[in-house]
C-alpha cells in the first residue's frame, strides 16, 4: 500500500493506493489518526484502492469515530468500485459520507 497526504482547500487529503488489508491496515490506521490530530476536515481518497478487507474497514470506522469525537469531519471520496462494494456489504455506505470527487468532498466539509 502506498499513501499520500496533502492539504487542499482547508482539509487534509489522504490518498491510499493498492491493498488495504491485514498487513497494511495498521499503517493506514496510524496515518489517518495522525491526520485526525490536525483538527482539520479529512478526505480519504480511495480511488486507487484495489482491495480492502475487514481490517481496513475497521481502521476507517475507528478514524471516523475519533474524528467525530474531536469535532472534525471525515469524508470518503472517489471510492473505487471494489472498496464501495465492501462498504455496501457492511452497510457502512450509510454511515460514512461518500462523495464522488475531492471537489465534492471539499464542498461538503467547507
PDB file of N, CA and C in Angstrom:
ATOM      1  N   UNK A   1       0.831  -1.180   0.000  1.00  0.00           N
ATOM      2  CA  UNK A   1       0.000   0.000   0.000  1.00  0.00           C
ATOM      3  C   UNK A   1       0.877   1.245   0.000  1.00  0.00           C
ATOM      4  N   UNK A   2       0.537   2.153  -0.871  1.00  0.00           N
ATOM      5  CA  UNK A   2       1.189   3.460  -0.895  1.00  0.00           C
ATOM      6  C   UNK A   2       0.185   4.469  -0.375  1.00  0.00           C
ATOM      7  N   UNK A   3       0.700   5.614   0.069  1.00  0.00           N
ATOM      8  CA  UNK A   3      -0.195   6.670   0.518  1.00  0.00           C
ATOM      9  C   UNK A   3       0.412   8.037   0.234  1.00  0.00           C
ATOM     10  N   UNK A   4      -0.466   9.027   0.221  1.00  0.00           N
ATOM     11  CA  UNK A   4      -0.042  10.409   0.031  1.00  0.00           C
ATOM     12  C   UNK A   4      -0.931  11.277   0.909  1.00  0.00           C
ATOM     13  N   UNK A   5      -0.327  12.239   1.602  1.00  0.00           N
ATOM     14  CA  UNK A   5      -1.071  13.162   2.450  1.00  0.00           C
ATOM     15  C   UNK A   5      -0.729  14.577   2.021  1.00  0.00           C
ATOM     16  N   UNK A   6      -1.762  15.379   1.781  1.00  0.00           N
ATOM     17  CA  UNK A   6      -1.529  16.790   1.491  1.00  0.00           C
ATOM     18  C   UNK A   6      -2.720  17.604   1.974  1.00  0.00           C
ATOM     19  N   UNK A   7      -2.530  18.900   2.011  1.00  0.00           N
ATOM     20  CA  UNK A   7      -3.619  19.789   2.403  1.00  0.00           C
ATOM     21  C   UNK A   7      -4.162  20.453   1.151  1.00  0.00           C
ATOM     22  N   UNK A   8      -5.493  20.540   1.112  1.00  0.00           N
ATOM     23  CA  UNK A   8      -6.149  21.136  -0.041  1.00  0.00           C
ATOM     24  C   UNK A   8      -7.442  21.785   0.421  1.00  0.00           C
ATOM     25  N   UNK A   9      -7.621  23.040   0.124  1.00  0.00           N
ATOM     26  CA  UNK A   9      -8.875  23.721   0.447  1.00  0.00           C
ATOM     27  C   UNK A   9      -9.264  23.675   1.908  1.00  0.00           C
ATOM     28  N   UNK A  10      -8.294  23.727   2.802  1.00  0.00           N
ATOM     29  CA  UNK A  10      -8.589  23.717   4.236  1.00  0.00           C
ATOM     30  C   UNK A  10      -8.852  22.345   4.830  1.00  0.00           C
ATOM     31  N   UNK A  11      -8.558  21.309   4.050  1.00  0.00           N
ATOM     32  CA  UNK A  11      -8.761  19.939   4.528  1.00  0.00           C
ATOM     33  C   UNK A  11      -7.483  19.133   4.314  1.00  0.00           C
ATOM     34  N   UNK A  12      -7.372  18.044   5.052  1.00  0.00           N
ATOM     35  CA  UNK A  12      -6.283  17.089   4.845  1.00  0.00           C
ATOM     36  C   UNK A  12      -6.812  16.015   3.890  1.00  0.00           C
ATOM     37  N   UNK A  13      -6.098  15.793   2.809  1.00  0.00           N
ATOM     38  CA  UNK A  13      -6.492  14.769   1.845  1.00  0.00           C
ATOM     39  C   UNK A  13      -5.501  13.614   1.957  1.00  0.00           C
ATOM     40  N   UNK A  14      -6.025  12.434   2.280  1.00  0.00           N
ATOM     41  CA  UNK A  14      -5.211  11.232   2.405  1.00  0.00           C
ATOM     42  C   UNK A  14      -5.603  10.291   1.273  1.00  0.00           C
ATOM     43  N   UNK A  15      -4.648   9.975   0.420  1.00  0.00           N
ATOM     44  CA  UNK A  15      -4.917   9.056  -0.676  1.00  0.00           C
ATOM     45  C   UNK A  15      -4.177   7.748  -0.467  1.00  0.00           C
ATOM     46  N   UNK A  16      -4.902   6.649  -0.591  1.00  0.00           N
ATOM     47  CA  UNK A  16      -4.294   5.329  -0.488  1.00  0.00           C
ATOM     48  C   UNK A  16      -4.301   4.673  -1.858  1.00  0.00           C
ATOM     49  N   UNK A  17      -3.301   3.817  -2.082  1.00  0.00           N
ATOM     50  CA  UNK A  17      -3.190   3.111  -3.358  1.00  0.00           C
ATOM     51  C   UNK A  17      -2.791   1.668  -3.089  1.00  0.00           C
ATOM     52  N   UNK A  18      -3.451   0.750  -3.783  1.00  0.00           N
ATOM     53  CA  UNK A  18      -3.130  -0.669  -3.623  1.00  0.00           C
ATOM     54  C   UNK A  18      -4.124  -1.342  -2.696  1.00  0.00           C
ATOM     55  N   UNK A  19      -3.627  -2.267  -1.885  1.00  0.00           N
ATOM     56  CA  UNK A  19      -4.463  -3.047  -0.986  1.00  0.00           C
ATOM     57  C   UNK A  19      -4.389  -2.504   0.437  1.00  0.00           C
ATOM     58  N   UNK A  20      -5.554  -2.358   1.060  1.00  0.00           N
ATOM     59  CA  UNK A  20      -5.613  -2.011   2.476  1.00  0.00           C
ATOM     60  C   UNK A  20      -6.145  -3.261   3.176  1.00  0.00           C
ATOM     61  N   UNK A  21      -5.200  -4.063   3.657  1.00  0.00           N
ATOM     62  CA  UNK A  21      -5.543  -5.368   4.208  1.00  0.00           C
ATOM     63  C   UNK A  21      -4.890  -5.569   5.567  1.00  0.00           C
ATOM     64  N   UNK A  22      -4.940  -6.785   6.057  1.00  0.00           N
ATOM     65  CA  UNK A  22      -4.412  -7.090   7.379  1.00  0.00           C
ATOM     66  C   UNK A  22      -2.959  -6.640   7.542  1.00  0.00           C
ATOM     67  N   UNK A  23      -2.185  -6.757   6.486  1.00  0.00           N
ATOM     68  CA  UNK A  23      -0.776  -6.362   6.543  1.00  0.00           C
ATOM     69  C   UNK A  23      -0.601  -4.847   6.564  1.00  0.00           C
ATOM     70  N   UNK A  24      -1.371  -4.133   5.775  1.00  0.00           N
ATOM     71  CA  UNK A  24      -1.153  -2.693   5.632  1.00  0.00           C
ATOM     72  C   UNK A  24      -2.098  -1.825   6.467  1.00  0.00           C
ATOM     73  N   UNK A  25      -3.187  -2.394   6.969  1.00  0.00           N
ATOM     74  CA  UNK A  25      -4.154  -1.561   7.689  1.00  0.00           C
ATOM     75  C   UNK A  25      -3.602  -0.899   8.958  1.00  0.00           C
ATOM     76  N   UNK A  26      -2.652  -1.512   9.696  1.00  0.00           N
ATOM     77  CA  UNK A  26      -2.089  -0.779  10.839  1.00  0.00           C
ATOM     78  C   UNK A  26      -1.397   0.519  10.410  1.00  0.00           C
ATOM     79  N   UNK A  27      -0.717   0.490   9.264  1.00  0.00           N
ATOM     80  CA  UNK A  27      -0.074   1.708   8.754  1.00  0.00           C
ATOM     81  C   UNK A  27      -1.134   2.721   8.329  1.00  0.00           C
ATOM     82  N   UNK A  28      -2.175   2.246   7.642  1.00  0.00           N
ATOM     83  CA  UNK A  28      -3.252   3.142   7.214  1.00  0.00           C
ATOM     84  C   UNK A  28      -3.918   3.789   8.428  1.00  0.00           C
ATOM     85  N   UNK A  29      -4.158   2.993   9.448  1.00  0.00           N
ATOM     86  CA  UNK A  29      -4.771   3.492  10.686  1.00  0.00           C
ATOM     87  C   UNK A  29      -3.916   4.595  11.304  1.00  0.00           C
ATOM     88  N   UNK A  30      -2.628   4.348  11.409  1.00  0.00           N
ATOM     89  CA  UNK A  30      -1.698   5.318  12.004  1.00  0.00           C
ATOM     90  C   UNK A  30      -1.708   6.620  11.208  1.00  0.00           C
ATOM     91  N   UNK A  31      -1.663   6.512   9.887  1.00  0.00           N
ATOM     92  CA  UNK A  31      -1.655   7.689   9.015  1.00  0.00           C
ATOM     93  C   UNK A  31      -2.936   8.499   9.216  1.00  0.00           C
ATOM     94  N   UNK A  32      -4.078   7.808   9.211  1.00  0.00           N
ATOM     95  CA  UNK A  32      -5.352   8.524   9.359  1.00  0.00           C
ATOM     96  C   UNK A  32      -5.493   9.161  10.731  1.00  0.00           C
ATOM     97  N   UNK A  33      -5.079   8.463  11.797  1.00  0.00           N
ATOM     98  CA  UNK A  33      -5.186   9.026  13.143  1.00  0.00           C
ATOM     99  C   UNK A  33      -4.265  10.237  13.309  1.00  0.00           C
ATOM    100  N   UNK A  34      -3.104  10.215  12.668  1.00  0.00           N
ATOM    101  CA  UNK A  34      -2.222  11.391  12.698  1.00  0.00           C
ATOM    102  C   UNK A  34      -2.907  12.580  12.024  1.00  0.00           C
ATOM    103  N   UNK A  35      -3.651  12.315  10.973  1.00  0.00           N
ATOM    104  CA  UNK A  35      -4.379  13.384  10.289  1.00  0.00           C
ATOM    105  C   UNK A  35      -5.505  13.928  11.150  1.00  0.00           C
ATOM    106  N   UNK A  36      -6.170  13.067  11.898  1.00  0.00           N
ATOM    107  CA  UNK A  36      -7.243  13.500  12.801  1.00  0.00           C
ATOM    108  C   UNK A  36      -6.687  14.483  13.830  1.00  0.00           C
ATOM    109  N   UNK A  37      -5.454  14.243  14.273  1.00  0.00           N
ATOM    110  CA  UNK A  37      -4.835  15.109  15.282  1.00  0.00           C
ATOM    111  C   UNK A  37      -4.650  16.539  14.786  1.00  0.00           C
ATOM    112  N   UNK A  38      -4.673  16.748  13.470  1.00  0.00           N
ATOM    113  CA  UNK A  38      -4.518  18.103  12.919  1.00  0.00           C
ATOM    114  C   UNK A  38      -5.749  18.974  13.139  1.00  0.00           C
ATOM    115  N   UNK A  39      -6.855  18.351  13.572  1.00  0.00           N
ATOM    116  CA  UNK A  39      -8.105  19.077  13.838  1.00  0.00           C
ATOM    117  C   UNK A  39      -8.599  19.828  12.598  1.00  0.00           C
ATOM    118  N   UNK A  40      -8.487  19.196  11.449  1.00  0.00           N
ATOM    119  CA  UNK A  40      -8.990  19.728  10.188  1.00  0.00           C
ATOM    120  C   UNK A  40      -9.913  18.688   9.574  1.00  0.00           C
ATOM    121  N   UNK A  41     -10.805  19.104   8.663  1.00  0.00           N
ATOM    122  CA  UNK A  41     -11.594  18.102   7.948  1.00  0.00           C
ATOM    123  C   UNK A  41     -10.665  17.143   7.202  1.00  0.00           C
ATOM    124  N   UNK A  42     -11.094  15.888   7.079  1.00  0.00           N
ATOM    125  CA  UNK A  42     -10.259  14.871   6.442  1.00  0.00           C
ATOM    126  C   UNK A  42     -11.022  14.239   5.291  1.00  0.00           C
ATOM    127  N   UNK A  43     -10.376  14.176   4.147  1.00  0.00           N
ATOM    128  CA  UNK A  43     -10.916  13.476   2.991  1.00  0.00           C
ATOM    129  C   UNK A  43     -10.042  12.251   2.766  1.00  0.00           C
ATOM    130  N   UNK A  44     -10.659  11.086   2.695  1.00  0.00           N
ATOM    131  CA  UNK A  44      -9.935   9.846   2.426  1.00  0.00           C
ATOM    132  C   UNK A  44     -10.232   9.450   0.980  1.00  0.00           C
ATOM    133  N   UNK A  45      -9.221   9.560   0.136  1.00  0.00           N
ATOM    134  CA  UNK A  45      -9.355   9.241  -1.283  1.00  0.00           C
ATOM    135  C   UNK A  45      -9.065   7.751  -1.482  1.00  0.00           C
ATOM    136  N   UNK A  46     -10.103   7.014  -1.863  1.00  0.00           N
ATOM    137  CA  UNK A  46      -9.969   5.569  -2.063  1.00  0.00           C
ATOM    138  C   UNK A  46     -10.040   5.184  -3.545  1.00  0.00           C
ATOM    139  N   UNK A  47      -9.780   6.136  -4.418  1.00  0.00           N
ATOM    140  CA  UNK A  47      -9.912   5.880  -5.860  1.00  0.00           C
ATOM    141  C   UNK A  47      -8.926   4.840  -6.373  1.00  0.00           C
ATOM    142  N   UNK A  48      -7.790   4.708  -5.710  1.00  0.00           N
ATOM    143  CA  UNK A  48      -6.758   3.776  -6.181  1.00  0.00           C
ATOM    144  C   UNK A  48      -6.621   2.546  -5.296  1.00  0.00           C
ATOM    145  N   UNK A  49      -7.617   2.332  -4.434  1.00  0.00           N
ATOM    146  CA  UNK A  49      -7.607   1.141  -3.578  1.00  0.00           C
ATOM    147  C   UNK A  49      -8.214  -0.013  -4.371  1.00  0.00           C
ATOM    148  N   UNK A  50      -7.393  -1.027  -4.591  1.00  0.00           N
ATOM    149  CA  UNK A  50      -7.838  -2.177  -5.375  1.00  0.00           C
ATOM    150  C   UNK A  50      -8.565  -3.207  -4.518  1.00  0.00           C
ATOM    151  N   UNK A  51      -8.207  -3.250  -3.235  1.00  0.00           N
ATOM    152  CA  UNK A  51      -8.792  -4.248  -2.333  1.00  0.00           C
ATOM    153  C   UNK A  51      -8.757  -3.694  -0.920  1.00  0.00           C
ATOM    154  N   UNK A  52      -9.856  -3.868  -0.192  1.00  0.00           N
ATOM    155  CA  UNK A  52      -9.885  -3.501   1.225  1.00  0.00           C
ATOM    156  C   UNK A  52     -10.607  -4.618   1.969  1.00  0.00           C
ATOM    157  N   UNK A  53     -10.026  -5.060   3.076  1.00  0.00           N
ATOM    158  CA  UNK A  53     -10.654  -6.136   3.852  1.00  0.00           C
ATOM    159  C   UNK A  53     -11.234  -5.567   5.148  1.00  0.00           C
ATOM    160  N   UNK A  54     -11.698  -6.462   5.999  1.00  0.00           N
ATOM    161  CA  UNK A  54     -12.364  -6.025   7.231  1.00  0.00           C
ATOM    162  C   UNK A  54     -11.435  -5.229   8.152  1.00  0.00           C
ATOM    163  N   UNK A  55     -10.146  -5.530   8.129  1.00  0.00           N
ATOM    164  CA  UNK A  55      -9.222  -4.767   8.978  1.00  0.00           C
ATOM    165  C   UNK A  55      -9.072  -3.332   8.459  1.00  0.00           C
ATOM    166  N   UNK A  56      -9.090  -3.174   7.146  1.00  0.00           N
ATOM    167  CA  UNK A  56      -9.048  -1.829   6.558  1.00  0.00           C
ATOM    168  C   UNK A  56     -10.315  -1.057   6.863  1.00  0.00           C
ATOM    169  N   UNK A  57     -11.455  -1.744   6.767  1.00  0.00           N
ATOM    170  CA  UNK A  57     -12.739  -1.118   7.093  1.00  0.00           C
ATOM    171  C   UNK A  57     -12.764  -0.722   8.569  1.00  0.00           C
ATOM    172  N   UNK A  58     -12.260  -1.587   9.437  1.00  0.00           N
ATOM    173  CA  UNK A  58     -12.212  -1.282  10.874  1.00  0.00           C
ATOM    174  C   UNK A  58     -11.370  -0.040  11.146  1.00  0.00           C
ATOM    175  N   UNK A  59     -10.269   0.115  10.416  1.00  0.00           N
ATOM    176  CA  UNK A  59      -9.423   1.311  10.572  1.00  0.00           C
ATOM    177  C   UNK A  59     -10.180   2.565  10.154  1.00  0.00           C
ATOM    178  N   UNK A  60     -10.935   2.475   9.056  1.00  0.00           N
ATOM    179  CA  UNK A  60     -11.742   3.617   8.613  1.00  0.00           C
ATOM    180  C   UNK A  60     -12.792   3.987   9.666  1.00  0.00           C
ATOM    181  N   UNK A  61     -13.464   2.975  10.210  1.00  0.00           N
ATOM    182  CA  UNK A  61     -14.503   3.216  11.214  1.00  0.00           C
ATOM    183  C   UNK A  61     -13.897   3.852  12.469  1.00  0.00           C
ATOM    184  N   UNK A  62     -12.761   3.336  12.914  1.00  0.00           N
ATOM    185  CA  UNK A  62     -12.107   3.906  14.094  1.00  0.00           C
ATOM    186  C   UNK A  62     -11.743   5.368  13.865  1.00  0.00           C
ATOM    187  N   UNK A  63     -11.225   5.662  12.693  1.00  0.00           N
ATOM    188  CA  UNK A  63     -10.834   7.041  12.401  1.00  0.00           C
ATOM    189  C   UNK A  63     -12.051   7.954  12.294  1.00  0.00           C
ATOM    190  N   UNK A  64     -13.154   7.439  11.750  1.00  0.00           N
ATOM    191  CA  UNK A  64     -14.392   8.216  11.697  1.00  0.00           C
ATOM    192  C   UNK A  64     -14.863   8.551  13.113  1.00  0.00           C
ATOM    193  N   UNK A  65     -14.859   7.562  13.991  1.00  0.00           N
ATOM    194  CA  UNK A  65     -15.289   7.783  15.371  1.00  0.00           C
ATOM    195  C   UNK A  65     -14.376   8.784  16.079  1.00  0.00           C
ATOM    196  N   UNK A  66     -13.081   8.647  15.877  1.00  0.00           N
ATOM    197  CA  UNK A  66     -12.117   9.548  16.512  1.00  0.00           C
ATOM    198  C   UNK A  66     -12.278  10.967  15.983  1.00  0.00           C
ATOM    199  N   UNK A  67     -12.487  11.101  14.681  1.00  0.00           N
ATOM    200  CA  UNK A  67     -12.689  12.421  14.077  1.00  0.00           C
ATOM    201  C   UNK A  67     -13.948  13.073  14.642  1.00  0.00           C
ATOM    202  N   UNK A  68     -15.014  12.308  14.724  1.00  0.00           N
ATOM    203  CA  UNK A  68     -16.278  12.856  15.257  1.00  0.00           C
ATOM    204  C   UNK A  68     -16.112  13.314  16.703  1.00  0.00           C
ATOM    205  N   UNK A  69     -15.395  12.520  17.502  1.00  0.00           N
ATOM    206  CA  UNK A  69     -15.170  12.896  18.906  1.00  0.00           C
ATOM    207  C   UNK A  69     -14.381  14.190  19.015  1.00  0.00           C
ATOM    208  N   UNK A  70     -13.470  14.416  18.065  1.00  0.00           N
ATOM    209  CA  UNK A  70     -12.645  15.627  18.113  1.00  0.00           C
ATOM    210  C   UNK A  70     -13.302  16.800  17.383  1.00  0.00           C
ATOM    211  N   UNK A  71     -14.497  16.568  16.833  1.00  0.00           N
ATOM    212  CA  UNK A  71     -15.213  17.644  16.161  1.00  0.00           C
ATOM    213  C   UNK A  71     -14.827  17.858  14.716  1.00  0.00           C
ATOM    214  N   UNK A  72     -14.122  16.905  14.123  1.00  0.00           N
ATOM    215  CA  UNK A  72     -13.701  17.016  12.724  1.00  0.00           C
ATOM    216  C   UNK A  72     -14.614  16.191  11.820  1.00  0.00           C
ATOM    217  N   UNK A  73     -14.691  16.609  10.574  1.00  0.00           N
ATOM    218  CA  UNK A  73     -15.421  15.839   9.567  1.00  0.00           C
ATOM    219  C   UNK A  73     -14.469  14.859   8.893  1.00  0.00           C
ATOM    220  N   UNK A  74     -14.982  13.687   8.542  1.00  0.00           N
ATOM    221  CA  UNK A  74     -14.230  12.714   7.765  1.00  0.00           C
ATOM    222  C   UNK A  74     -15.139  12.242   6.631  1.00  0.00           C
ATOM    223  N   UNK A  75     -14.655  12.408   5.405  1.00  0.00           N
ATOM    224  CA  UNK A  75     -15.440  12.079   4.221  1.00  0.00           C
ATOM    225  C   UNK A  75     -14.620  11.153   3.335  1.00  0.00           C
ATOM    226  N   UNK A  76     -15.266  10.128   2.799  1.00  0.00           N
ATOM    227  CA  UNK A  76     -14.629   9.263   1.813  1.00  0.00           C
ATOM    228  C   UNK A  76     -14.917   9.841   0.435  1.00  0.00           C
ATOM    229  N   UNK A  77     -13.878   9.916  -0.404  1.00  0.00           N
ATOM    230  CA  UNK A  77     -14.062  10.486  -1.740  1.00  0.00           C
ATOM    231  C   UNK A  77     -13.538   9.531  -2.805  1.00  0.00           C
ATOM    232  N   UNK A  78     -14.170   9.610  -3.966  1.00  0.00           N
ATOM    233  CA  UNK A  78     -13.733   8.855  -5.151  1.00  0.00           C
ATOM    234  C   UNK A  78     -13.490   7.379  -4.821  1.00  0.00           C
ATOM    235  N   UNK A  79     -14.423   6.778  -4.115  1.00  0.00           N
ATOM    236  CA  UNK A  79     -14.260   5.405  -3.647  1.00  0.00           C
ATOM    237  C   UNK A  79     -14.288   4.445  -4.839  1.00  0.00           C
ATOM    238  N   UNK A  80     -13.265   3.601  -4.924  1.00  0.00           N
ATOM    239  CA  UNK A  80     -13.187   2.630  -6.019  1.00  0.00           C
ATOM    240  C   UNK A  80     -14.367   1.665  -5.942  1.00  0.00           C
ATOM    241  N   UNK A  81     -14.681   1.056  -7.062  1.00  0.00           N
ATOM    242  CA  UNK A  81     -15.814   0.137  -7.129  1.00  0.00           C
ATOM    243  C   UNK A  81     -15.667  -1.018  -6.139  1.00  0.00           C
ATOM    244  N   UNK A  82     -14.451  -1.568  -6.054  1.00  0.00           N
ATOM    245  CA  UNK A  82     -14.247  -2.717  -5.160  1.00  0.00           C
ATOM    246  C   UNK A  82     -14.374  -2.313  -3.689  1.00  0.00           C
ATOM    247  N   UNK A  83     -13.846  -1.142  -3.333  1.00  0.00           N
ATOM    248  CA  UNK A  83     -13.964  -0.675  -1.949  1.00  0.00           C
ATOM    249  C   UNK A  83     -15.420  -0.329  -1.619  1.00  0.00           C
ATOM    250  N   UNK A  84     -16.127   0.244  -2.582  1.00  0.00           N
ATOM    251  CA  UNK A  84     -17.529   0.595  -2.355  1.00  0.00           C
ATOM    252  C   UNK A  84     -18.374  -0.654  -2.124  1.00  0.00           C
ATOM    253  N   UNK A  85     -18.069  -1.721  -2.847  1.00  0.00           N
ATOM    254  CA  UNK A  85     -18.803  -2.974  -2.658  1.00  0.00           C
ATOM    255  C   UNK A  85     -18.683  -3.480  -1.220  1.00  0.00           C
ATOM    256  N   UNK A  86     -17.469  -3.410  -0.685  1.00  0.00           N
ATOM    257  CA  UNK A  86     -17.246  -3.866   0.693  1.00  0.00           C
ATOM    258  C   UNK A  86     -17.996  -2.957   1.673  1.00  0.00           C
ATOM    259  N   UNK A  87     -17.946  -1.653   1.458  1.00  0.00           N
ATOM    260  CA  UNK A  87     -18.670  -0.720   2.331  1.00  0.00           C
ATOM    261  C   UNK A  87     -20.174  -0.977   2.269  1.00  0.00           C
ATOM    262  N   UNK A  88     -20.681  -1.250   1.072  1.00  0.00           N
ATOM    263  CA  UNK A  88     -22.108  -1.533   0.921  1.00  0.00           C
ATOM    264  C   UNK A  88     -22.505  -2.844   1.597  1.00  0.00           C
ATOM    265  N   UNK A  89     -21.665  -3.867   1.461  1.00  0.00           N
ATOM    266  CA  UNK A  89     -21.957  -5.150   2.106  1.00  0.00           C
ATOM    267  C   UNK A  89     -22.058  -5.002   3.620  1.00  0.00           C
ATOM    268  N   UNK A  90     -21.202  -4.157   4.169  1.00  0.00           N
ATOM    269  CA  UNK A  90     -21.204  -3.912   5.620  1.00  0.00           C
ATOM    270  C   UNK A  90     -22.212  -2.826   6.005  1.00  0.00           C
ATOM    271  N   UNK A  91     -22.922  -2.310   5.026  1.00  0.00           N
ATOM    272  CA  UNK A  91     -23.896  -1.226   5.196  1.00  0.00           C
ATOM    273  C   UNK A  91     -23.257   0.049   5.747  1.00  0.00           C
ATOM    274  N   UNK A  92     -21.970   0.191   5.537  1.00  0.00           N
ATOM    275  CA  UNK A  92     -21.272   1.379   6.014  1.00  0.00           C
ATOM    276  C   UNK A  92     -21.381   2.548   5.039  1.00  0.00           C
ATOM    277  N   UNK A  93     -21.928   2.280   3.854  1.00  0.00           N
ATOM    278  CA  UNK A  93     -22.184   3.377   2.925  1.00  0.00           C
ATOM    279  C   UNK A  93     -23.255   4.312   3.493  1.00  0.00           C
ATOM    280  N   UNK A  94     -23.990   3.838   4.502  1.00  0.00           N
ATOM    281  CA  UNK A  94     -24.995   4.665   5.181  1.00  0.00           C
ATOM    282  C   UNK A  94     -24.398   5.403   6.378  1.00  0.00           C
ATOM    283  N   UNK A  95     -23.223   4.980   6.819  1.00  0.00           N
ATOM    284  CA  UNK A  95     -22.565   5.571   7.987  1.00  0.00           C
ATOM    285  C   UNK A  95     -21.599   6.677   7.558  1.00  0.00           C
ATOM    286  N   UNK A  96     -20.811   6.405   6.538  1.00  0.00           N
ATOM    287  CA  UNK A  96     -19.834   7.364   6.032  1.00  0.00           C
ATOM    288  C   UNK A  96     -20.491   8.340   5.069  1.00  0.00           C
ATOM    289  N   UNK A  97     -19.994   9.555   5.051  1.00  0.00           N
ATOM    290  CA  UNK A  97     -20.324  10.484   3.980  1.00  0.00           C
ATOM    291  C   UNK A  97     -19.399  10.120   2.826  1.00  0.00           C
ATOM    292  N   UNK A  98     -19.978   9.849   1.668  1.00  0.00           N
ATOM    293  CA  UNK A  98     -19.204   9.441   0.497  1.00  0.00           C
ATOM    294  C   UNK A  98     -19.486  10.420  -0.636  1.00  0.00           C
ATOM    295  N   UNK A  99     -18.430  10.995  -1.190  1.00  0.00           N
ATOM    296  CA  UNK A  99     -18.552  11.942  -2.301  1.00  0.00           C
ATOM    297  C   UNK A  99     -17.827  11.388  -3.520  1.00  0.00           C
ATOM    298  N   UNK A 100     -18.314  11.784  -4.697  1.00  0.00           N
ATOM    299  CA  UNK A 100     -17.748  11.272  -5.945  1.00  0.00           C
ATOM    300  C   UNK A 100     -16.358  11.813  -6.245  1.00  0.00           C
ATOM    301  N   UNK A 101     -16.082  13.053  -5.851  1.00  0.00           N
ATOM    302  CA  UNK A 101     -14.799  13.682  -6.173  1.00  0.00           C
ATOM    303  C   UNK A 101     -14.236  14.401  -4.956  1.00  0.00           C
ATOM    304  N   UNK A 102     -12.968  14.732  -5.036  1.00  0.00           N
ATOM    305  CA  UNK A 102     -12.337  15.524  -3.970  1.00  0.00           C
ATOM    306  C   UNK A 102     -13.019  16.879  -3.876  1.00  0.00           C
ATOM    307  N   UNK A 103     -13.344  17.468  -5.008  1.00  0.00           N
ATOM    308  CA  UNK A 103     -14.001  18.777  -5.026  1.00  0.00           C
ATOM    309  C   UNK A 103     -15.344  18.714  -4.296  1.00  0.00           C
ATOM    310  N   UNK A 104     -16.120  17.641  -4.569  1.00  0.00           N
ATOM    311  CA  UNK A 104     -17.395  17.475  -3.866  1.00  0.00           C
ATOM    312  C   UNK A 104     -17.176  17.310  -2.362  1.00  0.00           C
ATOM    313  N   UNK A 105     -16.141  16.570  -2.009  1.00  0.00           N
ATOM    314  CA  UNK A 105     -15.818  16.386  -0.585  1.00  0.00           C
ATOM    315  C   UNK A 105     -15.432  17.687   0.093  1.00  0.00           C
ATOM    316  N   UNK A 106     -14.646  18.497  -0.609  1.00  0.00           N
ATOM    317  CA  UNK A 106     -14.264  19.798  -0.063  1.00  0.00           C
ATOM    318  C   UNK A 106     -15.482  20.689   0.136  1.00  0.00           C
ATOM    319  N   UNK A 107     -16.411  20.636  -0.816  1.00  0.00           N
ATOM    320  CA  UNK A 107     -17.638  21.431  -0.689  1.00  0.00           C
ATOM    321  C   UNK A 107     -18.465  20.931   0.492  1.00  0.00           C
ATOM    322  N   UNK A 108     -18.480  19.636   0.724  1.00  0.00           N
ATOM    323  CA  UNK A 108     -19.260  19.033   1.819  1.00  0.00           C
ATOM    324  C   UNK A 108     -18.723  19.473   3.182  1.00  0.00           C
ATOM    325  N   UNK A 109     -17.399  19.501   3.329  1.00  0.00           N
ATOM    326  CA  UNK A 109     -16.808  19.870   4.624  1.00  0.00           C
ATOM    327  C   UNK A 109     -16.610  21.371   4.753  1.00  0.00           C
ATOM    328  N   UNK A 110     -16.690  22.085   3.634  1.00  0.00           N
ATOM    329  CA  UNK A 110     -16.478  23.535   3.635  1.00  0.00           C
ATOM    330  C   UNK A 110     -17.689  24.237   4.132  1.00  0.00           C
TER     331      UNK A 110
END
